[in-house]
Protein backbone atom coordinates (compact mmCIF):
# COMPACT_ATOMS: atom_id res chain seq x y z
CA UNK A 1 -26.26 -2.35 -23.01
CA UNK A 2 -26.91 -4.13 -20.39
CA UNK A 3 -25.56 -3.96 -16.75
CA UNK A 4 -23.14 -6.02 -15.19
CA UNK A 5 -24.20 -7.96 -12.79
CA UNK A 6 -22.27 -6.41 -8.90
CA UNK A 7 -23.12 -9.79 -7.36
CA UNK A 8 -21.31 -11.06 -10.34
CA UNK A 9 -18.45 -8.87 -10.24
CA UNK A 10 -17.58 -9.47 -6.29
CA UNK A 11 -17.90 -12.85 -6.54
CA UNK A 12 -15.60 -13.48 -9.89
CA UNK A 13 -13.47 -11.54 -7.32
CA UNK A 14 -13.12 -13.83 -4.72
CA UNK A 15 -12.55 -16.35 -7.17
CA UNK A 16 -9.80 -15.11 -8.09
CA UNK A 17 -8.38 -14.18 -4.80
CA UNK A 18 -9.01 -11.02 -4.04
CA UNK A 19 -9.76 -10.19 -0.11
CA UNK A 20 -12.42 -7.43 -0.59
CA UNK A 21 -14.28 -5.77 -3.56
CA UNK A 22 -16.54 -2.47 -4.29
CA UNK A 23 -17.92 -0.74 -7.20
CA UNK A 24 -18.34 3.07 -7.00
CA UNK A 25 -19.00 5.76 -9.46
CA UNK A 26 -16.01 7.52 -10.57
CA UNK A 27 -15.39 11.40 -10.82
CA UNK A 28 -14.03 14.24 -9.89
CA UNK A 29 -12.43 13.99 -5.20
CA UNK A 30 -15.00 16.07 -3.24
CA UNK A 31 -13.98 19.75 -2.57
CA UNK A 32 -12.04 18.44 1.07
CA UNK A 33 -9.79 15.41 -0.11
CA UNK A 34 -9.05 17.77 -3.15
CA UNK A 35 -7.90 20.80 -1.04
CA UNK A 36 -6.00 17.65 1.44
CA UNK A 37 -3.66 16.86 -2.15
CA UNK A 38 -3.22 20.50 -2.94
CA UNK A 39 -2.29 21.59 0.62
CA UNK A 40 -0.04 18.20 0.70
CA UNK A 41 1.89 19.11 -2.30
CA UNK A 42 2.14 22.77 -1.23
CA UNK A 43 3.64 22.21 1.88
CA UNK A 44 6.36 19.80 0.67
CA UNK A 45 5.15 16.93 2.23
CA UNK A 46 5.64 14.47 -0.39
CA UNK A 47 9.60 15.49 -0.49
CA UNK A 48 11.38 14.19 -3.67
CA UNK A 49 8.22 12.54 -5.20
CA UNK A 50 7.80 14.57 -7.84
CA UNK A 51 5.92 12.16 -10.01
CA UNK A 52 2.94 12.76 -7.05
CA UNK A 53 2.78 16.45 -9.24
CA UNK A 54 2.35 15.59 -12.45
CA UNK A 55 -1.07 14.91 -14.12
CA UNK A 56 -2.72 15.89 -10.58
CA UNK A 57 -6.01 16.68 -12.65
CA UNK A 58 -6.12 12.88 -13.34
CA UNK A 59 -5.28 11.99 -9.49
CA UNK A 60 -8.33 14.92 -8.91
CA UNK A 61 -10.78 12.87 -11.57
CA UNK A 62 -10.46 9.11 -12.26
CA UNK A 63 -12.71 9.59 -15.57
CA UNK A 64 -9.97 11.63 -17.65
CA UNK A 65 -7.95 8.27 -17.45
CA UNK A 66 -10.41 6.62 -19.43
CA UNK A 67 -12.92 7.70 -21.85
CA UNK A 68 -17.10 7.09 -20.45
CA UNK A 69 -16.15 5.23 -17.56
CA UNK A 70 -18.75 4.79 -15.48
CA UNK A 71 -17.81 2.37 -12.74
CA UNK A 72 -14.39 2.30 -10.62
CA UNK A 73 -14.10 -1.16 -9.20
CA UNK A 74 -11.92 -2.00 -6.30
CA UNK A 75 -10.50 -4.38 -4.91
CA UNK A 76 -7.78 -5.48 -1.90
CA UNK A 77 -5.22 -8.32 -1.80
CA UNK A 78 -3.61 -9.75 1.72
CA UNK A 79 0.15 -10.25 1.51
CA UNK A 80 0.19 -10.30 5.72
CA UNK A 81 2.76 -13.01 6.25
CA UNK A 82 3.79 -14.45 9.79
CA UNK A 83 7.50 -14.10 8.55
CA UNK A 84 7.10 -11.09 11.41
CA UNK A 85 4.72 -11.16 14.21
CA UNK A 86 1.04 -11.01 13.34
CA UNK A 87 -1.77 -9.87 15.74
CA UNK A 88 -1.18 -9.80 19.31
CA UNK A 89 2.40 -11.17 19.03
CA UNK A 90 4.45 -8.19 20.65
CA UNK A 91 8.28 -8.52 19.87
CA UNK A 92 10.89 -7.91 22.75
CA UNK A 93 12.08 -4.83 22.61
CA UNK A 94 15.61 -5.69 23.85
CA UNK A 95 15.77 -9.03 21.47
CA UNK A 96 18.45 -9.04 19.08
CA UNK A 97 16.20 -9.81 16.41
CA UNK A 98 17.21 -10.83 12.47
CA UNK A 99 17.52 -7.75 9.98
CA UNK A 100 14.80 -7.69 7.60
CA UNK A 101 12.38 -6.44 5.40
CA UNK A 102 9.04 -4.57 5.09
CA UNK A 103 6.63 -7.47 5.21
CA UNK A 104 5.30 -6.59 1.57
CA UNK A 105 8.59 -7.11 0.23
CA UNK A 106 9.05 -10.60 0.67
CA UNK A 107 6.41 -12.06 -2.31
CA UNK A 108 7.04 -11.34 -6.04
CA UNK A 109 6.29 -7.74 -7.17
CA UNK A 110 2.96 -6.56 -6.34
CA UNK A 111 2.34 -4.55 -9.15
CA UNK A 112 2.80 -7.80 -11.82
CA UNK A 113 0.75 -9.84 -9.38
CA UNK A 114 -2.21 -7.52 -8.92
CA UNK A 115 -1.91 -6.28 -12.64
CA UNK A 116 -2.00 -10.39 -14.18
CA UNK A 117 -5.26 -10.89 -11.54
CA UNK A 118 -6.84 -7.72 -12.78
CA UNK A 119 -6.37 -8.37 -16.26
CA UNK A 120 -7.64 -12.07 -15.81
CA UNK A 121 -11.16 -10.27 -13.49
CA UNK A 122 -11.58 -8.19 -17.30
CA UNK A 123 -11.21 -11.66 -18.92
CA UNK A 124 -13.78 -13.63 -16.62
CA UNK A 125 -16.07 -10.80 -16.57
CA UNK A 126 -15.77 -10.69 -20.89
CA UNK A 127 -14.55 -7.60 -20.91
CA UNK A 128 -10.97 -6.57 -23.06
CA UNK A 129 -8.48 -4.12 -22.21
CA UNK A 130 -8.29 -1.36 -24.26
CA UNK A 131 -11.31 1.03 -24.70
CA UNK A 132 -14.06 -0.51 -22.83
CA UNK A 133 -11.65 -1.23 -19.50
CA UNK A 134 -8.39 -0.23 -17.88
CA UNK A 135 -6.56 -1.50 -14.67
CA UNK A 136 -4.13 -0.16 -12.32
CA UNK A 137 -2.37 -1.25 -9.50
CA UNK A 138 -0.44 1.81 -7.88
CA UNK A 139 0.67 2.61 -11.72
CA UNK A 140 -1.31 5.52 -12.31
CA UNK A 141 -2.40 8.82 -10.62
CA UNK A 142 -5.25 7.64 -8.93
CA UNK A 143 -5.93 8.21 -5.24
CA UNK A 144 -6.42 4.15 -4.60
CA UNK A 145 -7.22 4.71 -0.60
CA UNK A 146 -10.20 7.40 -1.54
CA UNK A 147 -12.03 5.25 -4.17
CA UNK A 148 -11.14 1.98 -1.69
CA UNK A 149 -13.05 3.78 0.77
CA UNK A 150 -15.63 5.38 -1.34
CA UNK A 151 -16.27 2.02 -2.95
CA UNK A 152 -16.47 0.34 0.96
CA UNK A 153 -13.63 -1.84 1.64
CA UNK A 154 -12.79 0.33 4.88
CA UNK A 155 -11.53 3.48 6.12
CA UNK A 156 -8.24 5.67 5.58
CA UNK A 157 -6.19 5.31 8.99
CA UNK A 158 -4.26 7.18 11.21
CA UNK A 159 -1.32 5.70 9.59
CA UNK A 160 -2.75 6.95 6.16
CA UNK A 161 -3.06 3.46 5.21
CA UNK A 162 -6.35 1.83 3.92
CA UNK A 163 -7.94 -0.23 6.83
CA UNK A 164 -10.45 -3.09 6.60
CA UNK A 165 -12.99 -3.70 8.66
CA UNK A 166 -12.39 -7.01 10.89
CA UNK A 167 -9.30 -7.54 8.72
CA UNK A 168 -6.31 -4.67 9.14
CA UNK A 169 -4.38 -2.56 6.81
CA UNK A 170 -1.83 -5.58 5.03
CA UNK A 171 -3.48 -5.29 1.57
CA UNK A 172 -2.45 -4.40 -1.59
CA UNK A 173 -5.35 -2.54 -3.93
CA UNK A 174 -6.40 -2.11 -7.43
CA UNK A 175 -9.14 -0.55 -9.38
CA UNK A 176 -10.27 -1.47 -12.77
CA UNK A 177 -12.16 1.39 -14.49
CA UNK A 178 -15.10 0.16 -16.81
CA UNK A 179 -17.01 1.98 -19.52
CA UNK A 180 -20.20 -0.03 -18.20
CA UNK A 181 -22.37 0.42 -16.11
CA UNK A 182 -23.38 -1.40 -12.91
CA UNK A 183 -26.73 -2.53 -11.72
CA UNK A 184 -25.59 -1.46 -8.07
CA UNK A 185 -22.68 0.84 -6.32
CA UNK A 186 -21.68 0.26 -3.07
CA UNK A 187 -21.25 4.33 -2.63
CA UNK A 188 -24.46 5.99 -1.09
CA UNK A 189 -24.86 10.16 -0.88
CA UNK A 190 -24.07 10.16 2.30
CA UNK A 191 -21.23 8.32 2.13
CA UNK A 192 -19.60 10.13 -0.50
CA UNK A 193 -20.44 13.14 0.82
CA UNK A 194 -18.84 12.93 4.48
CA UNK A 195 -15.34 14.49 5.34
CA UNK A 196 -15.40 12.22 8.29
CA UNK A 197 -15.34 8.88 7.14
CA UNK A 198 -11.62 8.58 7.69
CA UNK A 199 -10.50 8.20 10.53
CA UNK A 200 -13.54 6.07 11.10
CA UNK A 201 -12.34 3.09 12.10
CA UNK A 202 -9.50 4.83 14.43
CA UNK A 203 -12.00 6.39 17.33
CA UNK A 204 -9.16 8.04 19.88
CA UNK A 205 -6.92 5.27 19.38
CA UNK A 206 -3.17 7.08 18.75
CA UNK A 207 -1.13 3.94 18.72
CA UNK A 208 -0.01 3.90 15.42
CA UNK A 209 1.86 7.80 16.14
CA UNK A 210 3.29 6.46 19.43
CA UNK A 211 4.80 3.86 17.56
CA UNK A 212 6.60 6.07 14.63
CA UNK A 213 10.04 6.19 15.11
CA UNK A 214 10.73 9.36 13.21
CA UNK A 215 7.48 11.33 14.15
CA UNK A 216 6.15 11.21 10.15
CA UNK A 217 2.41 11.15 10.76
CA UNK A 218 0.01 14.33 12.13
CA UNK A 219 -2.56 11.82 13.79
CA UNK A 220 -5.20 13.70 11.60
CA UNK A 221 -4.59 11.05 8.78
CA UNK A 222 -1.63 12.68 6.83
CA UNK A 223 2.06 12.63 6.65
CA UNK A 224 5.12 14.24 6.26
CA UNK A 225 6.73 11.95 4.11
CA UNK A 226 10.43 13.21 4.39
CA UNK A 227 10.24 11.93 7.90
CA UNK A 228 9.13 8.21 7.29
CA UNK A 229 11.59 5.25 6.69
CA UNK A 230 9.44 3.90 4.07
CA UNK A 231 9.98 6.26 1.89
CA UNK A 232 13.91 7.39 3.41
CA UNK A 233 14.88 3.48 2.53
CA UNK A 234 13.03 2.85 -0.57
CA UNK A 235 12.72 6.74 -2.49
CA UNK A 236 14.80 8.71 -1.12
CA UNK A 237 18.44 8.75 -3.24
CA UNK A 238 20.96 10.23 -1.75
CA UNK A 239 22.52 9.62 1.82
CA UNK A 240 20.07 9.51 4.63
CA UNK A 241 19.55 12.23 7.62
CA UNK A 242 21.71 11.90 10.26
CA UNK A 243 19.71 8.87 12.98
CA UNK A 244 17.97 7.17 10.34
CA UNK A 245 20.24 4.22 10.92
CA UNK A 246 19.00 3.87 14.33
CA UNK A 247 15.33 5.07 13.59
CA UNK A 248 15.31 1.61 11.12
CA UNK A 249 16.46 -0.78 14.11
CA UNK A 250 16.17 -3.57 12.47
CA UNK A 251 14.42 -2.92 8.99
CA UNK A 252 16.21 -1.81 6.56
CA UNK A 253 13.60 -1.40 3.37
CA UNK A 254 10.85 0.08 4.62
CA UNK A 255 8.89 0.04 7.46
CA UNK A 256 5.92 -1.57 9.30
CA UNK A 257 5.80 -0.13 12.51
CA UNK A 258 2.86 2.30 12.62
CA UNK A 259 0.67 -1.22 11.00
CA UNK A 260 1.96 -3.86 13.94
CA UNK A 261 0.77 -1.21 16.04
CA UNK A 262 -2.74 -0.77 14.79
CA UNK A 263 -4.98 -3.10 16.99
CA UNK A 264 -7.14 -3.87 13.91
CA UNK A 265 -3.53 -5.86 12.41
CA UNK A 266 -2.93 -7.09 16.22
CA UNK A 267 -6.70 -7.97 16.33
CA UNK A 268 -7.49 -9.32 12.58
CA UNK A 269 -4.58 -9.81 10.64
CA UNK A 270 -4.64 -13.31 8.72
CA UNK A 271 -1.92 -14.59 6.63
CA UNK A 272 -2.34 -14.32 3.12
CA UNK A 273 -3.23 -17.60 0.59
CA UNK A 274 -1.07 -16.02 -2.25
CA UNK A 275 1.19 -17.95 -3.50
CA UNK A 276 3.44 -15.34 -5.26
CA UNK A 277 2.44 -13.03 -2.26
CA UNK A 278 4.27 -15.69 0.34
CA UNK A 279 7.92 -14.80 1.53
CA UNK A 280 10.89 -16.26 -0.95
CA UNK A 281 12.76 -18.97 0.93
CA UNK A 282 15.80 -17.41 -0.31
CA UNK A 283 14.82 -14.34 1.53
CA UNK A 284 14.10 -15.83 4.81
CA UNK A 285 16.99 -17.88 4.57
CA UNK A 286 19.30 -14.45 5.00
CA UNK A 287 20.50 -13.90 8.50
CA UNK A 288 22.23 -10.19 9.71
CA UNK A 289 25.76 -11.55 8.67
CA UNK A 290 24.60 -12.00 5.38
CA UNK A 291 23.24 -8.59 4.55
CA UNK A 292 26.27 -7.14 6.00
CA UNK A 293 27.99 -8.36 2.82
CA UNK A 294 25.21 -8.36 0.05
CA UNK A 295 26.96 -7.83 -3.66
CA UNK A 296 25.52 -6.77 -6.41
CA UNK A 297 24.84 -10.31 -7.50
CA UNK A 298 23.19 -11.50 -4.23
CA UNK A 299 21.23 -8.44 -5.25
CA UNK A 300 20.13 -9.29 -8.66
CA UNK A 301 19.37 -12.90 -7.63
CA UNK A 302 17.46 -12.48 -4.46
CA UNK A 303 15.42 -9.25 -5.89
CA UNK A 304 14.29 -10.69 -9.04
CA UNK A 305 11.17 -9.76 -10.03
CA UNK A 306 10.54 -8.36 -6.63
CA UNK A 307 9.68 -4.52 -5.63
CA UNK A 308 12.62 -4.02 -3.94
CA UNK A 309 14.37 -3.24 -7.03
CA UNK A 310 12.39 -0.25 -6.28
CA UNK A 311 15.16 1.05 -3.86
CA UNK A 312 18.07 -0.19 -6.46
CA UNK A 313 21.06 -1.62 -4.62
CA UNK A 314 22.65 1.57 -4.43
CA UNK A 315 19.84 2.42 -2.11
CA UNK A 316 19.74 -1.25 -0.43
CA UNK A 317 23.32 -0.92 0.20
CA UNK A 318 23.46 2.36 1.50
CA UNK A 319 20.63 0.99 4.01
CA UNK A 320 22.44 -2.05 5.45
CA UNK A 321 25.76 -0.01 5.61
CA UNK A 322 23.71 2.37 7.91
CA UNK A 323 22.12 -0.20 9.92
CA UNK A 324 25.75 -2.36 10.20
CA UNK A 325 27.29 1.90 11.58
CA UNK A 326 24.51 2.31 14.27
CA UNK A 327 25.08 -1.73 15.37
CA UNK A 328 29.18 -1.39 15.64
CA UNK A 329 28.28 1.86 18.00
C-alpha cells in the first residue's frame, strides 16, 4: 500500500478550515508523561472527573484505540471571537461588565463541529471510518495536548493549554488515527524524547498563574481541577464551594482568565472564520437581567446543540444564583 502524502494531508486540512495540522507516530506515552498522568490521578487533582480514571491504558497508548494504527494526524481549529477582548485589549477591572460565558461556549457544540470536519477530512483523503481510521474530538481517552505537541503544533503552557506559536491557545484539538503510513512525520527523535518540551513557549512568564483567581495552576504545566472555575462551573455537581461566586466575577460558565492573560493570545489571537463557532445572536443579546431570570425554557432554546448542555440547567442556574447572591452584597 502506498504511503499517504503528508503535504496532501496538510493542504486538505487547510482547505477544510483547520488552523494547524501535524503528523506523529502513535505509541505509548514517554515515561515522564505517563508518570505525570499517574501522579495527577493518584493525588486526586482530577476532582470528580472519574472518567479520567477509566481506560487509562488507552490514554497511555492510543494505538489501543485502533488495531494497526500507524499515523496520528492532529489538527487545531480556532474558536476565538471578539465578543470578549482579544489581543492587547485589557478590560477595566472596575467596570461593571455584562455577565458572560467562556469564549468557546457561544457557538455550536465543538464536539459536533470538529467531528463533522474530521469526517470530511477522511472523505477527502479517500479513507473510510472504521477499520482503517478513527476520528476524535475530545471524545476518547487520548492525551490530546501531548499528541498535538508531539505532532509539532505547539507546546503545553503553564496554563495547561496547548499554545500555538504566533497564534495563541484559543483552539479546539482533534485527532485522526490511521492504519496507513505517511511519507513524512513532524515528530523527530529529539522532539519525542525531550522532557522539557512543555513550557517551551512560556519562558519565565507567569501571567496565567497570577491571573487565576482560585490558584488552580501549579506553575509547572499542571493544575488542581478541583480549584478551577471551569471545572467548578461545568463539571462539578452539587453546591459550589464558598467564595466561588466572588471568584467568577462576571463569567458564570467556564473561565478564560488564564488564556486572556497569556501574551501569546494578547499579541496574536485572531478571530475565527468558522461560522459554526461564531457567537450565536441569541446569546450575545442576553443581558445581566435576562440571565438572572433564566428559565428552563430559555435554557433549552438558547443552548440547543451547544456544549453548554454539559452543565445542565441545574448547574447553570446554580452558577447564576451564586453570581446574583454575590452581586447583592
